[in-house]
C-alpha cells in the first residue's frame, strides 16, 4: 500500500516542481495555476510540520541548527 501511495505521490510532486520552475520562467497560464496550487500545498505541509514540531514538547531545542557543537 505504501509503495502504491509513493508511486502516485512522487510523480505528482515531480510534476509540481516542473510546473513551478516552468512558471518562474514565464510559462503559460495553466502552468502558473498548477504552480500556485503546488506552492500552496507546500505551505500547508510546512505549516503542519512546524506545528507538529512545536507540539512534540521538545523544550531543549533552541531552533538554531542541528544541535551539533560546530567546528
Protein backbone atom coordinates (compact mmCIF):
# COMPACT_ATOMS: atom_id res chain seq x y z
CA UNK A 1 0.00 0.00 0.00
CA UNK A 2 2.81 2.38 0.89
CA UNK A 3 4.51 1.61 -2.40
CA UNK A 4 1.36 2.49 -4.31
CA UNK A 5 0.98 5.77 -2.45
CA UNK A 6 4.61 6.68 -3.06
CA UNK A 7 4.26 5.64 -6.68
CA UNK A 8 1.48 8.20 -7.02
CA UNK A 9 2.84 10.96 -4.76
CA UNK A 10 6.39 11.14 -6.15
CA UNK A 11 5.41 11.73 -9.80
CA UNK A 12 2.81 14.31 -8.74
CA UNK A 13 5.42 16.12 -6.65
CA UNK A 14 7.89 15.99 -9.54
CA UNK A 15 5.33 17.41 -11.95
CA UNK A 16 4.54 20.15 -9.44
CA UNK A 17 8.22 21.04 -9.22
CA UNK A 18 8.48 21.17 -13.00
CA UNK A 19 5.42 23.43 -13.11
CA UNK A 20 6.94 25.81 -10.52
CA UNK A 21 10.19 26.08 -12.47
CA UNK A 22 8.39 26.50 -15.78
CA UNK A 23 6.08 29.16 -14.33
CA UNK A 24 9.08 31.04 -12.93
CA UNK A 25 10.47 31.12 -16.45
CA UNK A 26 7.23 32.57 -17.85
CA UNK A 27 5.19 29.51 -18.75
CA UNK A 28 1.57 29.52 -19.92
CA UNK A 29 -1.32 30.45 -17.66
CA UNK A 30 -2.31 26.87 -16.84
CA UNK A 31 1.24 26.11 -15.68
CA UNK A 32 1.18 29.16 -13.41
CA UNK A 33 -2.08 27.85 -11.93
CA UNK A 34 -0.57 24.44 -11.22
CA UNK A 35 2.48 26.14 -9.71
CA UNK A 36 0.25 28.20 -7.39
CA UNK A 37 -1.53 25.06 -6.22
CA UNK A 38 1.81 23.31 -5.69
CA UNK A 39 3.21 26.22 -3.66
CA UNK A 40 0.02 26.47 -1.59
CA UNK A 41 0.18 22.74 -0.83
CA UNK A 42 3.84 23.09 0.14
CA UNK A 43 2.93 25.90 2.55
CA UNK A 44 0.24 23.74 4.16
CA UNK A 45 2.67 20.83 4.58
CA UNK A 46 5.37 23.12 6.01
CA UNK A 47 2.88 24.68 8.41
CA UNK A 48 1.77 21.24 9.60
CA UNK A 49 5.40 20.21 10.11
CA UNK A 50 6.11 23.37 12.13
CA UNK A 51 3.07 22.86 14.34
CA UNK A 52 3.99 19.20 14.79
CA UNK A 53 7.48 20.18 15.95
CA UNK A 54 6.03 22.72 18.39
CA UNK A 55 3.56 20.26 19.86
CA UNK A 56 6.15 17.50 20.25
CA UNK A 57 7.30 19.08 23.51
CA UNK A 58 10.98 19.41 22.60
CA UNK A 59 11.82 22.21 25.04
CA UNK A 60 15.59 21.54 24.90
CA UNK A 61 15.79 22.65 21.28
CA UNK A 62 16.80 26.23 20.58
CA UNK A 63 15.71 26.05 16.95
CA UNK A 64 19.15 27.07 15.72
CA UNK A 65 20.61 24.35 13.58
CA UNK A 66 21.36 20.68 14.00
CA UNK A 67 22.34 20.83 17.65
CA UNK A 68 25.97 19.98 16.95
CA UNK A 69 28.94 21.58 18.63
CA UNK A 70 30.14 23.17 15.39
CA UNK A 71 33.67 23.40 14.06
